[in-house]
């Protein structure tokens, strides 16, 4: 076949493969502006520059779009971090720092930070939002942190504390920073140093976990 004839087909194939990602990027903008309830498939299609029918080729409905967005935005990061952690036998302290730093980068440097706010704001009217986010993101993240805290206790890196509470304390300031960024940052008198917050949190966390008499 003539090369000139194959090039348009190749471009079309690449475009087709990239289209789900482009739709999700557009959906994020629409959900951020209108919330889940206010967003329509027509809005997403218009933002993406495609027809509504094109979106239905990839996603069954608006719920499917949102679920795919959560998986792509947060779930994939947790999966990648979990893989990195599983192949590394370093200290629990190092691994917890790695996990919280990666998650904080996602929530504090990406526009995907709006997703937790949407879930919190609309879960009363759409309970499945909270349920899906809880088991797709929160439980997986807590499970990872719980295993690392338990590892640290077993190896005497940390003092013996209830792991379920420590895991939640690990992630709580990161979630606070994410919510603050999308809710209060626009009216802050000056930009807040979120990375400084995460760094300070890690310092306080590890001092609190250190065994009696150990260097923090």
C-alpha atoms as a PDB file:
ATOM      1  CA  UNK A   1       0.000   0.000   0.000  1.00  0.00           C
ATOM      2  CA  UNK A   2       1.223   3.497  -0.784  1.00  0.00           C
ATOM      3  CA  UNK A   3       2.826   5.252   2.189  1.00  0.00           C
ATOM      4  CA  UNK A   4       0.768   8.375   1.598  1.00  0.00           C
ATOM      5  CA  UNK A   5      -2.385   6.302   1.898  1.00  0.00           C
ATOM      6  CA  UNK A   6      -1.348   4.635   5.159  1.00  0.00           C
ATOM      7  CA  UNK A   7      -0.429   7.861   6.968  1.00  0.00           C
ATOM      8  CA  UNK A   8      -4.035   9.147   7.391  1.00  0.00           C
ATOM      9  CA  UNK A   9      -5.099   5.724   8.656  1.00  0.00           C
ATOM     10  CA  UNK A  10      -2.228   5.693  11.149  1.00  0.00           C
ATOM     11  CA  UNK A  11      -3.109   9.178  12.372  1.00  0.00           C
ATOM     12  CA  UNK A  12      -6.747   8.127  12.744  1.00  0.00           C
ATOM     13  CA  UNK A  13      -5.714   5.051  14.753  1.00  0.00           C
ATOM     14  CA  UNK A  14      -3.508   7.100  17.067  1.00  0.00           C
ATOM     15  CA  UNK A  15      -6.305   9.632  17.484  1.00  0.00           C
ATOM     16  CA  UNK A  16      -8.820   6.887  18.301  1.00  0.00           C
ATOM     17  CA  UNK A  17      -6.503   5.406  20.912  1.00  0.00           C
ATOM     18  CA  UNK A  18      -5.891   8.798  22.516  1.00  0.00           C
ATOM     19  CA  UNK A  19      -9.539   9.845  22.497  1.00  0.00           C
ATOM     20  CA  UNK A  20     -10.608   8.247  25.839  1.00  0.00           C
ATOM     21  CA  UNK A  21      -7.877  10.210  27.606  1.00  0.00           C
ATOM     22  CA  UNK A  22      -8.936  13.408  25.853  1.00  0.00           C
ATOM     23  CA  UNK A  23     -12.548  12.800  26.874  1.00  0.00           C
ATOM     24  CA  UNK A  24     -11.512  12.282  30.505  1.00  0.00           C
ATOM     25  CA  UNK A  25      -9.489  15.502  30.477  1.00  0.00           C
ATOM     26  CA  UNK A  26     -12.563  17.340  29.217  1.00  0.00           C
ATOM     27  CA  UNK A  27     -14.796  15.578  31.721  1.00  0.00           C
ATOM     28  CA  UNK A  28     -12.549  16.737  34.571  1.00  0.00           C
ATOM     29  CA  UNK A  29     -13.025  20.349  33.474  1.00  0.00           C
ATOM     30  CA  UNK A  30     -16.783  19.923  33.220  1.00  0.00           C
ATOM     31  CA  UNK A  31     -17.134  18.153  36.583  1.00  0.00           C
ATOM     32  CA  UNK A  32     -14.949  20.820  38.206  1.00  0.00           C
ATOM     33  CA  UNK A  33     -17.131  23.606  36.824  1.00  0.00           C
ATOM     34  CA  UNK A  34     -20.589  22.046  37.235  1.00  0.00           C
ATOM     35  CA  UNK A  35     -20.227  19.222  39.733  1.00  0.00           C
ATOM     36  CA  UNK A  36     -21.435  15.714  39.052  1.00  0.00           C
ATOM     37  CA  UNK A  37     -25.154  16.526  39.139  1.00  0.00           C
ATOM     38  CA  UNK A  38     -24.865  19.529  36.840  1.00  0.00           C
ATOM     39  CA  UNK A  39     -22.570  17.940  34.277  1.00  0.00           C
ATOM     40  CA  UNK A  40     -24.133  16.437  31.153  1.00  0.00           C
ATOM     41  CA  UNK A  41     -22.702  14.199  28.504  1.00  0.00           C
ATOM     42  CA  UNK A  42     -23.426  16.989  26.021  1.00  0.00           C
ATOM     43  CA  UNK A  43     -21.196  19.317  28.049  1.00  0.00           C
ATOM     44  CA  UNK A  44     -18.354  16.814  28.050  1.00  0.00           C
ATOM     45  CA  UNK A  45     -18.710  16.235  24.329  1.00  0.00           C
ATOM     46  CA  UNK A  46     -18.671  19.964  23.627  1.00  0.00           C
ATOM     47  CA  UNK A  47     -15.556  20.450  25.780  1.00  0.00           C
ATOM     48  CA  UNK A  48     -13.844  17.524  24.063  1.00  0.00           C
ATOM     49  CA  UNK A  49     -14.826  18.714  20.588  1.00  0.00           C
ATOM     50  CA  UNK A  50     -16.627  15.483  19.714  1.00  0.00           C
ATOM     51  CA  UNK A  51     -20.210  14.362  19.338  1.00  0.00           C
ATOM     52  CA  UNK A  52     -22.100  12.867  22.251  1.00  0.00           C
ATOM     53  CA  UNK A  53     -22.305   9.645  20.268  1.00  0.00           C
ATOM     54  CA  UNK A  54     -18.512   9.462  20.198  1.00  0.00           C
ATOM     55  CA  UNK A  55     -18.372   9.491  23.994  1.00  0.00           C
ATOM     56  CA  UNK A  56     -20.850   6.607  24.134  1.00  0.00           C
ATOM     57  CA  UNK A  57     -18.421   4.564  22.059  1.00  0.00           C
ATOM     58  CA  UNK A  58     -16.099   4.564  25.059  1.00  0.00           C
ATOM     59  CA  UNK A  59     -18.303   5.181  28.100  1.00  0.00           C
ATOM     60  CA  UNK A  60     -21.756   3.838  28.847  1.00  0.00           C
ATOM     61  CA  UNK A  61     -22.958   6.882  30.795  1.00  0.00           C
ATOM     62  CA  UNK A  62     -21.851   9.799  32.976  1.00  0.00           C
ATOM     63  CA  UNK A  63     -21.284   7.480  35.927  1.00  0.00           C
ATOM     64  CA  UNK A  64     -18.872   5.396  33.846  1.00  0.00           C
ATOM     65  CA  UNK A  65     -17.011   8.552  32.810  1.00  0.00           C
ATOM     66  CA  UNK A  66     -16.572   9.624  36.428  1.00  0.00           C
ATOM     67  CA  UNK A  67     -15.433   6.170  37.543  1.00  0.00           C
ATOM     68  CA  UNK A  68     -12.886   6.026  34.734  1.00  0.00           C
ATOM     69  CA  UNK A  69     -11.675   9.490  35.694  1.00  0.00           C
ATOM     70  CA  UNK A  70     -11.168   8.442  39.328  1.00  0.00           C
ATOM     71  CA  UNK A  71      -9.293   5.310  38.287  1.00  0.00           C
ATOM     72  CA  UNK A  72      -7.105   7.222  35.848  1.00  0.00           C
ATOM     73  CA  UNK A  73      -6.537  10.182  38.166  1.00  0.00           C
ATOM     74  CA  UNK A  74      -5.913   8.517  41.521  1.00  0.00           C
ATOM     75  CA  UNK A  75      -6.268   4.754  41.277  1.00  0.00           C
ATOM     76  CA  UNK A  76      -3.437   4.371  38.765  1.00  0.00           C
ATOM     77  CA  UNK A  77      -1.110   6.381  41.008  1.00  0.00           C
ATOM     78  CA  UNK A  78      -1.898   4.156  43.988  1.00  0.00           C
ATOM     79  CA  UNK A  79      -1.326   1.049  41.858  1.00  0.00           C
ATOM     80  CA  UNK A  80       2.021   2.359  40.647  1.00  0.00           C
ATOM     81  CA  UNK A  81       3.136   3.337  44.156  1.00  0.00           C
ATOM     82  CA  UNK A  82       2.039  -0.064  45.488  1.00  0.00           C
ATOM     83  CA  UNK A  83       4.148  -1.777  42.822  1.00  0.00           C
ATOM     84  CA  UNK A  84       7.170   0.344  43.706  1.00  0.00           C
ATOM     85  CA  UNK A  85       6.728  -0.395  47.412  1.00  0.00           C
ATOM     86  CA  UNK A  86       6.304  -4.144  46.914  1.00  0.00           C
ATOM     87  CA  UNK A  87       9.679  -4.393  45.165  1.00  0.00           C
ATOM     88  CA  UNK A  88      11.579  -2.304  47.725  1.00  0.00           C
ATOM     89  CA  UNK A  89      12.830  -3.644  51.047  1.00  0.00           C
ATOM     90  CA  UNK A  90      13.956  -0.356  52.547  1.00  0.00           C
ATOM     91  CA  UNK A  91      12.785   1.195  55.776  1.00  0.00           C
ATOM     92  CA  UNK A  92       9.095   1.735  56.477  1.00  0.00           C
ATOM     93  CA  UNK A  93       9.907   5.364  57.174  1.00  0.00           C
ATOM     94  CA  UNK A  94      11.376   5.834  53.682  1.00  0.00           C
ATOM     95  CA  UNK A  95       8.420   4.092  52.047  1.00  0.00           C
ATOM     96  CA  UNK A  96       5.803   6.113  53.940  1.00  0.00           C
ATOM     97  CA  UNK A  97       7.604   9.281  52.889  1.00  0.00           C
ATOM     98  CA  UNK A  98       7.566   8.029  49.285  1.00  0.00           C
ATOM     99  CA  UNK A  99       3.841   7.226  49.360  1.00  0.00           C
ATOM    100  CA  UNK A 100       2.770  10.506  50.959  1.00  0.00           C
ATOM    101  CA  UNK A 101       5.038  12.567  48.723  1.00  0.00           C
ATOM    102  CA  UNK A 102       3.673  10.924  45.557  1.00  0.00           C
ATOM    103  CA  UNK A 103       0.053  11.299  46.667  1.00  0.00           C
ATOM    104  CA  UNK A 104       0.557  14.892  47.758  1.00  0.00           C
ATOM    105  CA  UNK A 105       2.119  15.741  44.388  1.00  0.00           C
ATOM    106  CA  UNK A 106      -0.939  14.335  42.656  1.00  0.00           C
ATOM    107  CA  UNK A 107      -3.395  16.225  44.851  1.00  0.00           C
ATOM    108  CA  UNK A 108      -1.490  19.485  45.179  1.00  0.00           C
ATOM    109  CA  UNK A 109      -0.007  19.926  41.701  1.00  0.00           C
ATOM    110  CA  UNK A 110      -2.740  18.524  39.466  1.00  0.00           C
ATOM    111  CA  UNK A 111      -6.202  19.770  38.561  1.00  0.00           C
ATOM    112  CA  UNK A 112      -7.426  16.305  39.561  1.00  0.00           C
ATOM    113  CA  UNK A 113      -7.504  17.629  43.119  1.00  0.00           C
ATOM    114  CA  UNK A 114     -11.156  18.589  42.505  1.00  0.00           C
ATOM    115  CA  UNK A 115     -12.259  14.941  42.541  1.00  0.00           C
ATOM    116  CA  UNK A 116     -12.323  14.463  46.358  1.00  0.00           C
ATOM    117  CA  UNK A 117     -14.265  17.717  46.721  1.00  0.00           C
ATOM    118  CA  UNK A 118     -16.879  16.558  44.205  1.00  0.00           C
ATOM    119  CA  UNK A 119     -17.260  13.251  46.065  1.00  0.00           C
ATOM    120  CA  UNK A 120     -17.690  14.985  49.429  1.00  0.00           C
ATOM    121  CA  UNK A 121     -20.062  17.633  48.083  1.00  0.00           C
ATOM    122  CA  UNK A 122     -22.363  15.281  46.181  1.00  0.00           C
ATOM    123  CA  UNK A 123     -22.265  11.998  48.077  1.00  0.00           C
ATOM    124  CA  UNK A 124     -25.539  12.769  49.896  1.00  0.00           C
ATOM    125  CA  UNK A 125     -27.431  12.813  46.596  1.00  0.00           C
ATOM    126  CA  UNK A 126     -25.267  10.172  44.928  1.00  0.00           C
ATOM    127  CA  UNK A 127     -24.217   7.668  47.636  1.00  0.00           C
ATOM    128  CA  UNK A 128     -22.455   5.494  45.065  1.00  0.00           C
ATOM    129  CA  UNK A 129     -19.899   8.294  44.618  1.00  0.00           C
ATOM    130  CA  UNK A 130     -18.710   7.898  48.198  1.00  0.00           C
ATOM    131  CA  UNK A 131     -18.885   4.109  48.033  1.00  0.00           C
ATOM    132  CA  UNK A 132     -16.908   3.925  44.810  1.00  0.00           C
ATOM    133  CA  UNK A 133     -14.261   6.423  45.959  1.00  0.00           C
ATOM    134  CA  UNK A 134     -14.020   4.730  49.342  1.00  0.00           C
ATOM    135  CA  UNK A 135     -13.191   1.304  47.925  1.00  0.00           C
ATOM    136  CA  UNK A 136     -11.379   2.359  44.746  1.00  0.00           C
ATOM    137  CA  UNK A 137      -9.114   4.943  46.377  1.00  0.00           C
ATOM    138  CA  UNK A 138      -9.342   5.318  50.148  1.00  0.00           C
ATOM    139  CA  UNK A 139      -9.340   1.638  51.124  1.00  0.00           C
ATOM    140  CA  UNK A 140      -6.467   0.893  48.778  1.00  0.00           C
ATOM    141  CA  UNK A 141      -4.461   3.838  50.062  1.00  0.00           C
ATOM    142  CA  UNK A 142      -5.189   3.026  53.694  1.00  0.00           C
ATOM    143  CA  UNK A 143      -4.371  -0.617  53.082  1.00  0.00           C
ATOM    144  CA  UNK A 144      -0.979   0.351  51.689  1.00  0.00           C
ATOM    145  CA  UNK A 145      -0.200   2.719  54.570  1.00  0.00           C
ATOM    146  CA  UNK A 146      -1.455   0.212  57.143  1.00  0.00           C
ATOM    147  CA  UNK A 147       0.914  -2.439  55.808  1.00  0.00           C
ATOM    148  CA  UNK A 148       3.840  -0.012  55.965  1.00  0.00           C
ATOM    149  CA  UNK A 149       3.052   1.097  59.518  1.00  0.00           C
ATOM    150  CA  UNK A 150       2.760  -2.545  60.580  1.00  0.00           C
ATOM    151  CA  UNK A 151       6.102  -3.277  58.910  1.00  0.00           C
ATOM    152  CA  UNK A 152       7.697  -0.419  60.827  1.00  0.00           C
ATOM    153  CA  UNK A 153       6.306  -1.677  64.135  1.00  0.00           C
ATOM    154  CA  UNK A 154       7.419  -5.243  63.490  1.00  0.00           C
ATOM    155  CA  UNK A 155      10.928  -4.057  62.614  1.00  0.00           C
ATOM    156  CA  UNK A 156      11.069  -1.817  65.712  1.00  0.00           C
ATOM    157  CA  UNK A 157      11.340   1.315  63.561  1.00  0.00           C
ATOM    158  CA  UNK A 158       8.126   2.603  65.127  1.00  0.00           C
ATOM    159  CA  UNK A 159       6.675   2.246  68.574  1.00  0.00           C
ATOM    160  CA  UNK A 160       3.667   0.003  68.981  1.00  0.00           C
ATOM    161  CA  UNK A 161       0.535   2.028  68.205  1.00  0.00           C
ATOM    162  CA  UNK A 162      -2.870   1.111  66.691  1.00  0.00           C
ATOM    163  CA  UNK A 163      -2.056   0.788  63.001  1.00  0.00           C
ATOM    164  CA  UNK A 164      -5.562   1.734  61.821  1.00  0.00           C
ATOM    165  CA  UNK A 165      -5.273   5.117  63.555  1.00  0.00           C
ATOM    166  CA  UNK A 166      -1.704   5.776  62.460  1.00  0.00           C
ATOM    167  CA  UNK A 167      -2.570   5.041  58.813  1.00  0.00           C
ATOM    168  CA  UNK A 168      -5.338   7.643  58.916  1.00  0.00           C
ATOM    169  CA  UNK A 169      -3.079  10.156  60.645  1.00  0.00           C
ATOM    170  CA  UNK A 170      -0.551   9.634  57.850  1.00  0.00           C
ATOM    171  CA  UNK A 171      -2.939  10.727  55.113  1.00  0.00           C
ATOM    172  CA  UNK A 172      -5.184  13.209  56.962  1.00  0.00           C
ATOM    173  CA  UNK A 173      -3.062  16.375  56.453  1.00  0.00           C
ATOM    174  CA  UNK A 174      -2.629  15.562  52.748  1.00  0.00           C
ATOM    175  CA  UNK A 175      -6.407  15.343  52.306  1.00  0.00           C
ATOM    176  CA  UNK A 176      -6.841  18.571  54.304  1.00  0.00           C
ATOM    177  CA  UNK A 177      -4.367  20.293  52.009  1.00  0.00           C
ATOM    178  CA  UNK A 178      -6.232  19.035  48.936  1.00  0.00           C
ATOM    179  CA  UNK A 179      -9.585  20.288  50.229  1.00  0.00           C
ATOM    180  CA  UNK A 180      -8.038  23.597  51.290  1.00  0.00           C
ATOM    181  CA  UNK A 181      -6.496  24.075  47.861  1.00  0.00           C
ATOM    182  CA  UNK A 182      -9.805  23.864  46.004  1.00  0.00           C
ATOM    183  CA  UNK A 183     -11.961  25.583  48.631  1.00  0.00           C
ATOM    184  CA  UNK A 184     -10.026  28.284  50.476  1.00  0.00           C
ATOM    185  CA  UNK A 185      -6.914  28.960  48.398  1.00  0.00           C
ATOM    186  CA  UNK A 186      -8.760  31.362  46.059  1.00  0.00           C
ATOM    187  CA  UNK A 187      -9.441  33.657  49.034  1.00  0.00           C
ATOM    188  CA  UNK A 188      -6.179  33.175  50.939  1.00  0.00           C
ATOM    189  CA  UNK A 189      -4.420  36.531  51.440  1.00  0.00           C
ATOM    190  CA  UNK A 190      -1.209  34.932  50.155  1.00  0.00           C
ATOM    191  CA  UNK A 191      -0.383  31.553  48.592  1.00  0.00           C
ATOM    192  CA  UNK A 192      -0.050  28.803  51.165  1.00  0.00           C
ATOM    193  CA  UNK A 193       3.005  26.531  51.180  1.00  0.00           C
ATOM    194  CA  UNK A 194       1.337  23.121  50.856  1.00  0.00           C
ATOM    195  CA  UNK A 195       4.624  21.334  50.255  1.00  0.00           C
ATOM    196  CA  UNK A 196       5.895  22.873  53.464  1.00  0.00           C
ATOM    197  CA  UNK A 197       2.834  21.501  55.250  1.00  0.00           C
ATOM    198  CA  UNK A 198       3.519  17.986  53.976  1.00  0.00           C
ATOM    199  CA  UNK A 199       7.179  18.236  54.942  1.00  0.00           C
ATOM    200  CA  UNK A 200       6.327  19.437  58.439  1.00  0.00           C
ATOM    201  CA  UNK A 201       3.716  16.714  58.790  1.00  0.00           C
ATOM    202  CA  UNK A 202       6.273  14.028  57.927  1.00  0.00           C
ATOM    203  CA  UNK A 203       8.714  15.444  60.468  1.00  0.00           C
ATOM    204  CA  UNK A 204       6.088  15.478  63.244  1.00  0.00           C
ATOM    205  CA  UNK A 205       4.760  12.061  62.207  1.00  0.00           C
ATOM    206  CA  UNK A 206       8.112  10.303  62.363  1.00  0.00           C
ATOM    207  CA  UNK A 207       9.039  11.959  65.660  1.00  0.00           C
ATOM    208  CA  UNK A 208       5.767  10.708  67.080  1.00  0.00           C
ATOM    209  CA  UNK A 209       6.328   7.175  65.759  1.00  0.00           C
ATOM    210  CA  UNK A 210       9.929   6.879  66.912  1.00  0.00           C
ATOM    211  CA  UNK A 211      10.509   4.342  69.729  1.00  0.00           C
ATOM    212  CA  UNK A 212      11.334   5.748  73.158  1.00  0.00           C
ATOM    213  CA  UNK A 213      14.927   6.954  73.235  1.00  0.00           C
ATOM    214  CA  UNK A 214      15.462   6.572  69.496  1.00  0.00           C
ATOM    215  CA  UNK A 215      16.685   9.419  67.331  1.00  0.00           C
ATOM    216  CA  UNK A 216      13.757  10.926  65.376  1.00  0.00           C
END
